[in-house]
Amino acid sequence: MIVAALIAACLAVVLCLLDLLLTVGVIRRLKEHTELIGNLSTRGMPGTTVLPPGERIGAFSAVTEDGDTVGSGALADPVLIAVFSPGCGACAEQLPRFLERAGALPGGRGSVLAVLAGDRAQVAEEAARLSPVARVVVDGPQGTVTDALGVLAFPAFLRVDGTGRVLSSGRLATDLDAPVAA
């Protein structure tokens, strides 16, 4: 009876050690995967996803969803610009942050331009959410506004002065808080 108990105890210890070894292995793999996932959002992305501070936006003219004409020659000083694309996970993540910032802007809708890269059916929900705080432009398949802003990836955020000079830019809504370019 004692021998059976010793054998059972030894097996229990071996099983516990094996379980501990497997748990340590799983934790190590989870750490590796966490690092890979953390780097996934920037891997393959160009260093600059939109015109950098100090550059000038290209010429554009577009009609907002309200029927007004907006363009590079008649911008508020300064103007916040956001460019979103349908089906973009990062865009969906940044949209509430941009809405909050745009809603608190002293200049109101006239100082905010939201560009939606897609057709109207694809971006209808985003347009409805953005309309109370921004002038909304649906930049169809040609993407003339996104081209003028130098957008290479979505989302893209810019703060631009009345002359079209980029003051701050980036792929996060918080990039708008960066120091103004000289």
N, C-alpha and C. Protein backbone atom coordinates (compact mmCIF):
# COMPACT_ATOMS: atom_id res chain seq x y z
N MET A 1 0.81 -1.18 0.00
CA MET A 1 0.00 0.00 0.00
C MET A 1 0.86 1.26 0.00
N ILE A 2 1.94 1.27 0.78
CA ILE A 2 2.85 2.41 0.85
C ILE A 2 3.55 2.59 -0.48
N VAL A 3 3.92 1.48 -1.12
CA VAL A 3 4.61 1.54 -2.41
C VAL A 3 3.68 2.18 -3.46
N ALA A 4 2.41 1.80 -3.46
CA ALA A 4 1.44 2.35 -4.40
C ALA A 4 1.26 3.86 -4.16
N ALA A 5 1.24 4.26 -2.90
CA ALA A 5 1.10 5.68 -2.56
C ALA A 5 2.32 6.46 -3.02
N LEU A 6 3.52 5.89 -2.86
CA LEU A 6 4.76 6.55 -3.31
C LEU A 6 4.78 6.68 -4.83
N ILE A 7 4.35 5.63 -5.50
CA ILE A 7 4.32 5.69 -6.97
C ILE A 7 3.32 6.75 -7.42
N ALA A 8 2.15 6.81 -6.80
CA ALA A 8 1.14 7.82 -7.14
C ALA A 8 1.66 9.22 -6.86
N ALA A 9 2.37 9.41 -5.75
CA ALA A 9 2.94 10.72 -5.41
C ALA A 9 4.00 11.12 -6.43
N CYS A 10 4.85 10.16 -6.81
CA CYS A 10 5.89 10.44 -7.82
C CYS A 10 5.26 10.82 -9.15
N LEU A 11 4.21 10.11 -9.56
CA LEU A 11 3.52 10.43 -10.80
C LEU A 11 2.88 11.82 -10.73
N ALA A 12 2.32 12.16 -9.58
CA ALA A 12 1.71 13.48 -9.40
C ALA A 12 2.77 14.58 -9.52
N VAL A 13 3.95 14.35 -8.92
CA VAL A 13 5.04 15.33 -9.00
C VAL A 13 5.50 15.47 -10.43
N VAL A 14 5.66 14.36 -11.15
CA VAL A 14 6.09 14.39 -12.54
C VAL A 14 5.06 15.13 -13.39
N LEU A 15 3.78 14.85 -13.18
CA LEU A 15 2.73 15.54 -13.93
C LEU A 15 2.72 17.04 -13.63
N CYS A 16 2.92 17.42 -12.39
CA CYS A 16 2.97 18.84 -12.02
C CYS A 16 4.15 19.54 -12.69
N LEU A 17 5.31 18.87 -12.69
CA LEU A 17 6.49 19.45 -13.34
C LEU A 17 6.27 19.58 -14.84
N LEU A 18 5.67 18.57 -15.46
CA LEU A 18 5.38 18.62 -16.88
C LEU A 18 4.40 19.75 -17.18
N ASP A 19 3.37 19.89 -16.34
CA ASP A 19 2.40 20.98 -16.50
C ASP A 19 3.08 22.34 -16.36
N LEU A 20 3.96 22.47 -15.40
CA LEU A 20 4.70 23.72 -15.20
C LEU A 20 5.56 24.03 -16.41
N LEU A 21 6.24 23.03 -16.95
CA LEU A 21 7.09 23.21 -18.13
C LEU A 21 6.25 23.65 -19.32
N LEU A 22 5.11 23.02 -19.54
CA LEU A 22 4.23 23.41 -20.65
C LEU A 22 3.67 24.82 -20.45
N THR A 23 3.32 25.18 -19.24
CA THR A 23 2.80 26.52 -18.96
C THR A 23 3.86 27.59 -19.25
N VAL A 24 5.09 27.34 -18.86
CA VAL A 24 6.17 28.28 -19.14
C VAL A 24 6.34 28.43 -20.66
N GLY A 25 6.26 27.34 -21.39
CA GLY A 25 6.36 27.39 -22.85
C GLY A 25 5.24 28.19 -23.48
N VAL A 26 4.03 28.00 -23.00
CA VAL A 26 2.88 28.75 -23.52
C VAL A 26 3.03 30.24 -23.23
N ILE A 27 3.47 30.58 -22.04
CA ILE A 27 3.66 32.00 -21.69
C ILE A 27 4.72 32.62 -22.59
N ARG A 28 5.79 31.91 -22.85
CA ARG A 28 6.86 32.43 -23.73
C ARG A 28 6.30 32.68 -25.13
N ARG A 29 5.51 31.75 -25.66
CA ARG A 29 4.92 31.93 -26.99
C ARG A 29 3.93 33.09 -27.01
N LEU A 30 3.16 33.25 -25.94
CA LEU A 30 2.22 34.36 -25.87
C LEU A 30 2.95 35.70 -25.90
N LYS A 31 4.08 35.78 -25.22
CA LYS A 31 4.87 37.01 -25.25
C LYS A 31 5.36 37.30 -26.67
N GLU A 32 5.82 36.27 -27.36
CA GLU A 32 6.27 36.44 -28.75
C GLU A 32 5.12 36.90 -29.64
N HIS A 33 3.95 36.28 -29.48
CA HIS A 33 2.80 36.66 -30.30
C HIS A 33 2.32 38.07 -29.98
N THR A 34 2.37 38.46 -28.73
CA THR A 34 1.99 39.82 -28.35
C THR A 34 2.90 40.83 -29.03
N GLU A 35 4.18 40.55 -29.07
CA GLU A 35 5.12 41.45 -29.74
C GLU A 35 4.85 41.49 -31.24
N LEU A 36 4.59 40.35 -31.85
CA LEU A 36 4.29 40.32 -33.28
C LEU A 36 3.03 41.10 -33.61
N ILE A 37 2.00 40.94 -32.80
CA ILE A 37 0.74 41.66 -33.03
C ILE A 37 0.95 43.16 -32.82
N GLY A 38 1.74 43.52 -31.85
CA GLY A 38 2.02 44.94 -31.61
C GLY A 38 2.74 45.59 -32.77
N ASN A 39 3.59 44.83 -33.45
CA ASN A 39 4.32 45.36 -34.60
C ASN A 39 3.54 45.25 -35.89
N LEU A 40 2.46 44.50 -35.89
CA LEU A 40 1.70 44.25 -37.10
C LEU A 40 1.16 45.53 -37.71
N SER A 41 0.70 46.47 -36.88
CA SER A 41 0.08 47.69 -37.40
C SER A 41 1.07 48.57 -38.16
N THR A 42 2.35 48.47 -37.86
CA THR A 42 3.32 49.32 -38.54
C THR A 42 4.13 48.57 -39.60
N ARG A 43 4.10 47.24 -39.57
CA ARG A 43 4.86 46.47 -40.55
C ARG A 43 4.28 46.68 -41.93
N GLY A 44 5.12 46.96 -42.88
CA GLY A 44 4.67 47.15 -44.25
C GLY A 44 4.11 48.54 -44.51
N MET A 45 4.05 49.38 -43.51
CA MET A 45 3.52 50.73 -43.68
C MET A 45 4.65 51.66 -44.10
N PRO A 46 4.35 52.59 -44.98
CA PRO A 46 5.38 53.57 -45.32
C PRO A 46 5.71 54.42 -44.10
N GLY A 47 6.93 54.99 -44.07
CA GLY A 47 7.34 55.81 -42.94
C GLY A 47 6.40 56.99 -42.74
N THR A 48 5.92 57.57 -43.83
CA THR A 48 4.99 58.69 -43.77
C THR A 48 3.72 58.28 -44.50
N THR A 49 2.59 58.39 -43.84
CA THR A 49 1.33 57.97 -44.45
C THR A 49 0.51 59.13 -45.00
N VAL A 50 1.01 60.34 -44.80
CA VAL A 50 0.33 61.55 -45.26
C VAL A 50 1.40 62.64 -45.34
N LEU A 51 1.09 63.74 -45.99
CA LEU A 51 2.08 64.82 -46.10
C LEU A 51 2.64 65.20 -44.73
N PRO A 52 3.95 65.34 -44.62
CA PRO A 52 4.54 65.69 -43.33
C PRO A 52 4.41 67.18 -43.04
N PRO A 53 4.58 67.56 -41.78
CA PRO A 53 4.55 68.98 -41.42
C PRO A 53 5.56 69.79 -42.24
N GLY A 54 5.11 70.99 -42.62
CA GLY A 54 5.95 71.88 -43.41
C GLY A 54 5.65 71.81 -44.89
N GLU A 55 5.10 70.71 -45.37
CA GLU A 55 4.74 70.57 -46.79
C GLU A 55 3.43 71.31 -47.06
N ARG A 56 3.13 71.51 -48.32
CA ARG A 56 1.88 72.14 -48.72
C ARG A 56 0.99 71.10 -49.41
N ILE A 57 -0.29 71.17 -49.10
CA ILE A 57 -1.22 70.25 -49.75
C ILE A 57 -1.38 70.65 -51.20
N GLY A 58 -1.77 69.69 -52.03
CA GLY A 58 -2.01 69.97 -53.44
C GLY A 58 -3.36 70.65 -53.63
N ALA A 59 -3.56 71.14 -54.84
CA ALA A 59 -4.82 71.83 -55.16
C ALA A 59 -5.95 70.80 -55.28
N PHE A 60 -7.09 71.15 -54.72
CA PHE A 60 -8.28 70.32 -54.86
C PHE A 60 -9.52 71.18 -54.70
N SER A 61 -10.60 70.68 -55.24
CA SER A 61 -11.90 71.29 -55.06
C SER A 61 -12.90 70.13 -55.00
N ALA A 62 -13.81 70.18 -54.04
CA ALA A 62 -14.77 69.10 -53.88
C ALA A 62 -16.07 69.66 -53.34
N VAL A 63 -17.13 68.89 -53.50
CA VAL A 63 -18.44 69.28 -53.00
C VAL A 63 -18.74 68.44 -51.77
N THR A 64 -19.13 69.13 -50.68
CA THR A 64 -19.45 68.43 -49.44
C THR A 64 -20.81 67.75 -49.56
N GLU A 65 -21.13 66.93 -48.60
CA GLU A 65 -22.43 66.26 -48.57
C GLU A 65 -23.56 67.27 -48.38
N ASP A 66 -23.23 68.46 -47.88
CA ASP A 66 -24.23 69.53 -47.72
C ASP A 66 -24.42 70.34 -49.00
N GLY A 67 -23.60 70.06 -50.02
CA GLY A 67 -23.70 70.78 -51.28
C GLY A 67 -22.79 71.98 -51.39
N ASP A 68 -21.96 72.25 -50.38
CA ASP A 68 -21.04 73.38 -50.42
C ASP A 68 -19.74 72.95 -51.12
N THR A 69 -19.06 73.92 -51.70
CA THR A 69 -17.77 73.63 -52.34
C THR A 69 -16.66 73.97 -51.36
N VAL A 70 -15.73 73.04 -51.21
CA VAL A 70 -14.53 73.26 -50.39
C VAL A 70 -13.32 73.01 -51.27
N GLY A 71 -12.23 73.66 -50.93
CA GLY A 71 -11.03 73.46 -51.72
C GLY A 71 -9.81 73.98 -51.02
N SER A 72 -8.68 73.66 -51.60
CA SER A 72 -7.41 74.04 -51.01
C SER A 72 -7.22 75.55 -50.98
N GLY A 73 -7.91 76.28 -51.84
CA GLY A 73 -7.77 77.73 -51.88
C GLY A 73 -8.60 78.48 -50.86
N ALA A 74 -9.48 77.80 -50.17
CA ALA A 74 -10.37 78.48 -49.22
C ALA A 74 -10.55 77.63 -47.97
N LEU A 75 -9.47 77.47 -47.22
CA LEU A 75 -9.52 76.68 -45.99
C LEU A 75 -9.57 77.59 -44.78
N ALA A 76 -10.20 77.13 -43.73
CA ALA A 76 -10.17 77.85 -42.46
C ALA A 76 -8.73 77.85 -41.97
N ASP A 77 -8.41 78.74 -41.06
CA ASP A 77 -7.04 78.81 -40.54
C ASP A 77 -7.07 78.69 -39.03
N PRO A 78 -6.70 77.53 -38.48
CA PRO A 78 -6.34 76.27 -39.13
C PRO A 78 -7.57 75.41 -39.38
N VAL A 79 -7.37 74.33 -40.12
CA VAL A 79 -8.43 73.37 -40.38
C VAL A 79 -7.91 71.98 -40.01
N LEU A 80 -8.76 71.20 -39.36
CA LEU A 80 -8.44 69.80 -39.07
C LEU A 80 -9.01 68.98 -40.22
N ILE A 81 -8.20 68.07 -40.73
CA ILE A 81 -8.65 67.20 -41.82
C ILE A 81 -8.41 65.76 -41.41
N ALA A 82 -9.43 64.93 -41.61
CA ALA A 82 -9.31 63.50 -41.35
C ALA A 82 -9.73 62.76 -42.61
N VAL A 83 -9.00 61.70 -42.93
CA VAL A 83 -9.33 60.88 -44.10
C VAL A 83 -9.55 59.45 -43.61
N PHE A 84 -10.75 58.93 -43.87
CA PHE A 84 -11.10 57.58 -43.44
C PHE A 84 -11.48 56.75 -44.66
N SER A 85 -11.35 55.44 -44.51
CA SER A 85 -11.71 54.51 -45.57
C SER A 85 -12.66 53.45 -45.01
N PRO A 86 -13.66 53.02 -45.80
CA PRO A 86 -14.58 51.99 -45.30
C PRO A 86 -13.86 50.65 -45.12
N GLY A 87 -14.26 49.92 -44.09
CA GLY A 87 -13.67 48.61 -43.84
C GLY A 87 -12.30 48.66 -43.20
N CYS A 88 -11.85 49.82 -42.81
CA CYS A 88 -10.52 50.01 -42.21
C CYS A 88 -10.66 49.93 -40.69
N GLY A 89 -10.05 48.90 -40.08
CA GLY A 89 -10.14 48.73 -38.63
C GLY A 89 -9.54 49.90 -37.87
N ALA A 90 -8.38 50.39 -38.32
CA ALA A 90 -7.75 51.52 -37.65
C ALA A 90 -8.61 52.78 -37.76
N CYS A 91 -9.32 52.91 -38.89
CA CYS A 91 -10.22 54.07 -39.06
C CYS A 91 -11.35 54.01 -38.04
N ALA A 92 -11.94 52.82 -37.90
CA ALA A 92 -13.03 52.65 -36.94
C ALA A 92 -12.55 52.94 -35.52
N GLU A 93 -11.31 52.59 -35.22
CA GLU A 93 -10.75 52.83 -33.89
C GLU A 93 -10.49 54.33 -33.65
N GLN A 94 -10.05 55.04 -34.67
CA GLN A 94 -9.70 56.46 -34.52
C GLN A 94 -10.90 57.40 -34.68
N LEU A 95 -11.97 56.94 -35.32
CA LEU A 95 -13.12 57.80 -35.57
C LEU A 95 -13.69 58.43 -34.30
N PRO A 96 -13.94 57.68 -33.22
CA PRO A 96 -14.48 58.33 -32.00
C PRO A 96 -13.52 59.37 -31.42
N ARG A 97 -12.24 59.14 -31.51
CA ARG A 97 -11.26 60.12 -31.00
C ARG A 97 -11.31 61.41 -31.82
N PHE A 98 -11.43 61.24 -33.13
CA PHE A 98 -11.51 62.42 -33.99
C PHE A 98 -12.83 63.16 -33.76
N LEU A 99 -13.92 62.43 -33.62
CA LEU A 99 -15.23 63.06 -33.37
C LEU A 99 -15.19 63.90 -32.10
N GLU A 100 -14.57 63.37 -31.06
CA GLU A 100 -14.46 64.08 -29.79
C GLU A 100 -13.66 65.37 -29.97
N ARG A 101 -12.54 65.26 -30.65
CA ARG A 101 -11.69 66.44 -30.86
C ARG A 101 -12.39 67.47 -31.73
N ALA A 102 -12.99 67.02 -32.83
CA ALA A 102 -13.66 67.93 -33.75
C ALA A 102 -14.85 68.62 -33.08
N GLY A 103 -15.58 67.88 -32.25
CA GLY A 103 -16.73 68.46 -31.56
C GLY A 103 -16.36 69.54 -30.56
N ALA A 104 -15.13 69.47 -30.04
CA ALA A 104 -14.69 70.45 -29.05
C ALA A 104 -13.95 71.64 -29.68
N LEU A 105 -13.78 71.62 -30.98
CA LEU A 105 -13.02 72.68 -31.66
C LEU A 105 -13.80 74.00 -31.65
N PRO A 106 -13.16 75.10 -31.24
CA PRO A 106 -13.86 76.38 -31.17
C PRO A 106 -14.45 76.86 -32.50
N GLY A 107 -13.82 76.54 -33.62
CA GLY A 107 -14.31 77.01 -34.91
C GLY A 107 -15.50 76.24 -35.45
N GLY A 108 -15.87 75.15 -34.79
CA GLY A 108 -17.01 74.36 -35.23
C GLY A 108 -16.76 73.64 -36.54
N ARG A 109 -17.85 73.25 -37.21
CA ARG A 109 -17.77 72.47 -38.44
C ARG A 109 -16.94 73.14 -39.53
N GLY A 110 -16.93 74.47 -39.58
CA GLY A 110 -16.20 75.18 -40.62
C GLY A 110 -14.70 74.98 -40.53
N SER A 111 -14.23 74.52 -39.39
CA SER A 111 -12.79 74.30 -39.20
C SER A 111 -12.41 72.83 -39.27
N VAL A 112 -13.35 71.99 -39.73
CA VAL A 112 -13.10 70.56 -39.78
C VAL A 112 -13.56 70.01 -41.13
N LEU A 113 -12.69 69.23 -41.76
CA LEU A 113 -13.01 68.58 -43.02
C LEU A 113 -12.78 67.10 -42.86
N ALA A 114 -13.80 66.30 -43.14
CA ALA A 114 -13.68 64.84 -43.09
C ALA A 114 -13.80 64.32 -44.52
N VAL A 115 -12.80 63.57 -44.94
CA VAL A 115 -12.79 63.00 -46.29
C VAL A 115 -12.99 61.50 -46.16
N LEU A 116 -13.99 60.99 -46.86
CA LEU A 116 -14.29 59.56 -46.82
C LEU A 116 -13.94 58.96 -48.18
N ALA A 117 -12.95 58.10 -48.19
CA ALA A 117 -12.46 57.51 -49.44
C ALA A 117 -13.28 56.26 -49.76
N GLY A 118 -14.25 56.42 -50.64
CA GLY A 118 -15.12 55.31 -51.02
C GLY A 118 -16.36 55.85 -51.68
N ASP A 119 -17.26 54.96 -52.05
CA ASP A 119 -18.50 55.47 -52.64
C ASP A 119 -19.52 55.71 -51.53
N ARG A 120 -20.55 56.47 -51.85
CA ARG A 120 -21.52 56.92 -50.85
C ARG A 120 -22.17 55.77 -50.08
N ALA A 121 -22.46 54.69 -50.75
CA ALA A 121 -23.10 53.55 -50.07
C ALA A 121 -22.18 52.96 -49.02
N GLN A 122 -20.88 52.91 -49.31
CA GLN A 122 -19.92 52.34 -48.37
C GLN A 122 -19.70 53.20 -47.15
N VAL A 123 -19.80 54.51 -47.31
CA VAL A 123 -19.42 55.43 -46.23
C VAL A 123 -20.60 56.16 -45.60
N ALA A 124 -21.80 55.72 -45.89
CA ALA A 124 -22.99 56.43 -45.40
C ALA A 124 -23.02 56.53 -43.87
N GLU A 125 -22.67 55.46 -43.18
CA GLU A 125 -22.70 55.47 -41.71
C GLU A 125 -21.68 56.45 -41.15
N GLU A 126 -20.45 56.42 -41.68
CA GLU A 126 -19.41 57.34 -41.22
C GLU A 126 -19.80 58.78 -41.51
N ALA A 127 -20.38 59.02 -42.69
CA ALA A 127 -20.79 60.38 -43.06
C ALA A 127 -21.83 60.90 -42.08
N ALA A 128 -22.77 60.05 -41.69
CA ALA A 128 -23.80 60.47 -40.74
C ALA A 128 -23.20 60.80 -39.38
N ARG A 129 -22.20 60.04 -38.95
CA ARG A 129 -21.56 60.31 -37.65
C ARG A 129 -20.72 61.57 -37.69
N LEU A 130 -20.09 61.85 -38.83
CA LEU A 130 -19.18 63.00 -38.94
C LEU A 130 -19.90 64.31 -39.24
N SER A 131 -21.03 64.26 -39.91
CA SER A 131 -21.73 65.48 -40.35
C SER A 131 -22.00 66.51 -39.25
N PRO A 132 -22.34 66.12 -38.02
CA PRO A 132 -22.59 67.15 -37.01
C PRO A 132 -21.35 67.97 -36.63
N VAL A 133 -20.15 67.42 -36.85
CA VAL A 133 -18.94 68.12 -36.40
C VAL A 133 -17.99 68.49 -37.54
N ALA A 134 -18.30 68.08 -38.78
CA ALA A 134 -17.36 68.33 -39.87
C ALA A 134 -18.11 68.51 -41.19
N ARG A 135 -17.46 69.22 -42.10
CA ARG A 135 -17.91 69.21 -43.48
C ARG A 135 -17.40 67.90 -44.07
N VAL A 136 -18.27 67.13 -44.67
CA VAL A 136 -17.92 65.79 -45.14
C VAL A 136 -17.85 65.76 -46.66
N VAL A 137 -16.73 65.23 -47.16
CA VAL A 137 -16.53 65.03 -48.60
C VAL A 137 -16.37 63.54 -48.84
N VAL A 138 -17.18 63.02 -49.76
CA VAL A 138 -17.00 61.63 -50.18
C VAL A 138 -16.10 61.68 -51.41
N ASP A 139 -14.89 61.18 -51.24
CA ASP A 139 -13.87 61.20 -52.28
C ASP A 139 -13.93 59.87 -53.01
N GLY A 140 -14.65 59.84 -54.11
CA GLY A 140 -14.92 58.61 -54.85
C GLY A 140 -13.69 57.87 -55.35
N PRO A 141 -13.87 57.02 -56.34
CA PRO A 141 -12.80 56.14 -56.83
C PRO A 141 -11.55 56.88 -57.32
N GLN A 142 -11.70 58.10 -57.84
CA GLN A 142 -10.53 58.83 -58.32
C GLN A 142 -9.65 59.34 -57.18
N GLY A 143 -10.23 59.63 -56.03
CA GLY A 143 -9.47 60.05 -54.86
C GLY A 143 -8.69 61.33 -55.03
N THR A 144 -9.30 62.35 -55.66
CA THR A 144 -8.57 63.58 -55.92
C THR A 144 -8.18 64.32 -54.64
N VAL A 145 -9.05 64.29 -53.64
CA VAL A 145 -8.73 64.98 -52.38
C VAL A 145 -7.65 64.22 -51.63
N THR A 146 -7.78 62.90 -51.55
CA THR A 146 -6.76 62.11 -50.85
C THR A 146 -5.41 62.25 -51.54
N ASP A 147 -5.40 62.35 -52.87
CA ASP A 147 -4.15 62.58 -53.60
C ASP A 147 -3.54 63.94 -53.24
N ALA A 148 -4.39 64.96 -53.18
CA ALA A 148 -3.91 66.31 -52.86
C ALA A 148 -3.33 66.38 -51.45
N LEU A 149 -3.82 65.52 -50.55
CA LEU A 149 -3.33 65.50 -49.17
C LEU A 149 -2.14 64.56 -49.00
N GLY A 150 -1.77 63.85 -50.05
CA GLY A 150 -0.63 62.94 -49.98
C GLY A 150 -0.91 61.71 -49.14
N VAL A 151 -2.15 61.25 -49.09
CA VAL A 151 -2.52 60.10 -48.26
C VAL A 151 -2.03 58.81 -48.91
N LEU A 152 -1.25 58.04 -48.15
CA LEU A 152 -0.75 56.75 -48.61
C LEU A 152 -1.38 55.59 -47.86
N ALA A 153 -1.96 55.86 -46.69
CA ALA A 153 -2.59 54.83 -45.86
C ALA A 153 -3.68 55.48 -45.01
N PHE A 154 -4.59 54.66 -44.54
CA PHE A 154 -5.73 55.16 -43.76
C PHE A 154 -5.65 54.66 -42.33
N PRO A 155 -6.16 55.43 -41.39
CA PRO A 155 -6.64 56.80 -41.51
C PRO A 155 -5.46 57.77 -41.61
N ALA A 156 -5.77 59.00 -41.98
CA ALA A 156 -4.77 60.06 -42.06
C ALA A 156 -5.36 61.32 -41.43
N PHE A 157 -4.53 62.03 -40.69
CA PHE A 157 -4.99 63.24 -40.00
C PHE A 157 -4.01 64.36 -40.29
N LEU A 158 -4.54 65.56 -40.54
CA LEU A 158 -3.71 66.73 -40.80
C LEU A 158 -4.30 67.94 -40.09
N ARG A 159 -3.43 68.83 -39.71
CA ARG A 159 -3.83 70.17 -39.28
C ARG A 159 -3.13 71.09 -40.26
N VAL A 160 -3.91 71.91 -40.98
CA VAL A 160 -3.39 72.70 -42.09
C VAL A 160 -3.76 74.16 -41.85
N ASP A 161 -2.83 75.07 -42.19
CA ASP A 161 -3.17 76.49 -42.06
C ASP A 161 -3.92 76.98 -43.30
N GLY A 162 -4.34 78.22 -43.30
CA GLY A 162 -5.13 78.78 -44.38
C GLY A 162 -4.42 78.85 -45.72
N THR A 163 -3.09 78.73 -45.71
CA THR A 163 -2.34 78.75 -46.97
C THR A 163 -2.09 77.35 -47.52
N GLY A 164 -2.53 76.33 -46.78
CA GLY A 164 -2.33 74.95 -47.23
C GLY A 164 -1.09 74.29 -46.69
N ARG A 165 -0.40 74.95 -45.77
CA ARG A 165 0.81 74.36 -45.17
C ARG A 165 0.40 73.42 -44.05
N VAL A 166 0.98 72.22 -44.07
CA VAL A 166 0.68 71.22 -43.05
C VAL A 166 1.39 71.61 -41.76
N LEU A 167 0.61 71.76 -40.69
CA LEU A 167 1.16 72.12 -39.38
C LEU A 167 1.52 70.87 -38.58
N SER A 168 0.68 69.85 -38.65
CA SER A 168 0.94 68.56 -38.01
C SER A 168 0.16 67.51 -38.78
N SER A 169 0.66 66.26 -38.72
CA SER A 169 -0.01 65.20 -39.46
C SER A 169 0.39 63.84 -38.90
N GLY A 170 -0.38 62.83 -39.27
CA GLY A 170 -0.05 61.48 -38.84
C GLY A 170 -1.19 60.53 -39.08
N ARG A 171 -1.07 59.33 -38.52
CA ARG A 171 -2.10 58.32 -38.71
C ARG A 171 -2.98 58.11 -37.48
N LEU A 172 -2.74 58.92 -36.44
CA LEU A 172 -3.55 58.88 -35.23
C LEU A 172 -4.15 60.26 -34.99
N ALA A 173 -5.34 60.29 -34.44
CA ALA A 173 -5.98 61.58 -34.15
C ALA A 173 -5.12 62.40 -33.19
N THR A 174 -4.38 61.73 -32.30
CA THR A 174 -3.52 62.44 -31.35
C THR A 174 -2.31 63.08 -32.03
N ASP A 175 -2.00 62.67 -33.27
CA ASP A 175 -0.90 63.29 -34.00
C ASP A 175 -1.20 64.76 -34.31
N LEU A 176 -2.47 65.14 -34.25
CA LEU A 176 -2.84 66.53 -34.48
C LEU A 176 -2.34 67.43 -33.36
N ASP A 177 -2.00 66.84 -32.21
CA ASP A 177 -1.51 67.61 -31.08
C ASP A 177 0.00 67.89 -31.15
N ALA A 178 0.66 67.36 -32.17
CA ALA A 178 2.10 67.54 -32.30
C ALA A 178 2.41 69.03 -32.45
N PRO A 179 3.62 69.42 -32.05
CA PRO A 179 4.00 70.83 -32.20
C PRO A 179 3.88 71.28 -33.65
N VAL A 180 3.51 72.52 -33.83
CA VAL A 180 3.33 73.10 -35.15
C VAL A 180 4.67 73.17 -35.88
N ALA A 181 4.65 72.78 -37.16
CA ALA A 181 5.87 72.83 -37.97
C ALA A 181 6.29 74.28 -38.17
N ALA A 182 7.59 74.50 -38.16
CA ALA A 182 8.11 75.86 -38.36
C ALA A 182 8.10 76.24 -39.81
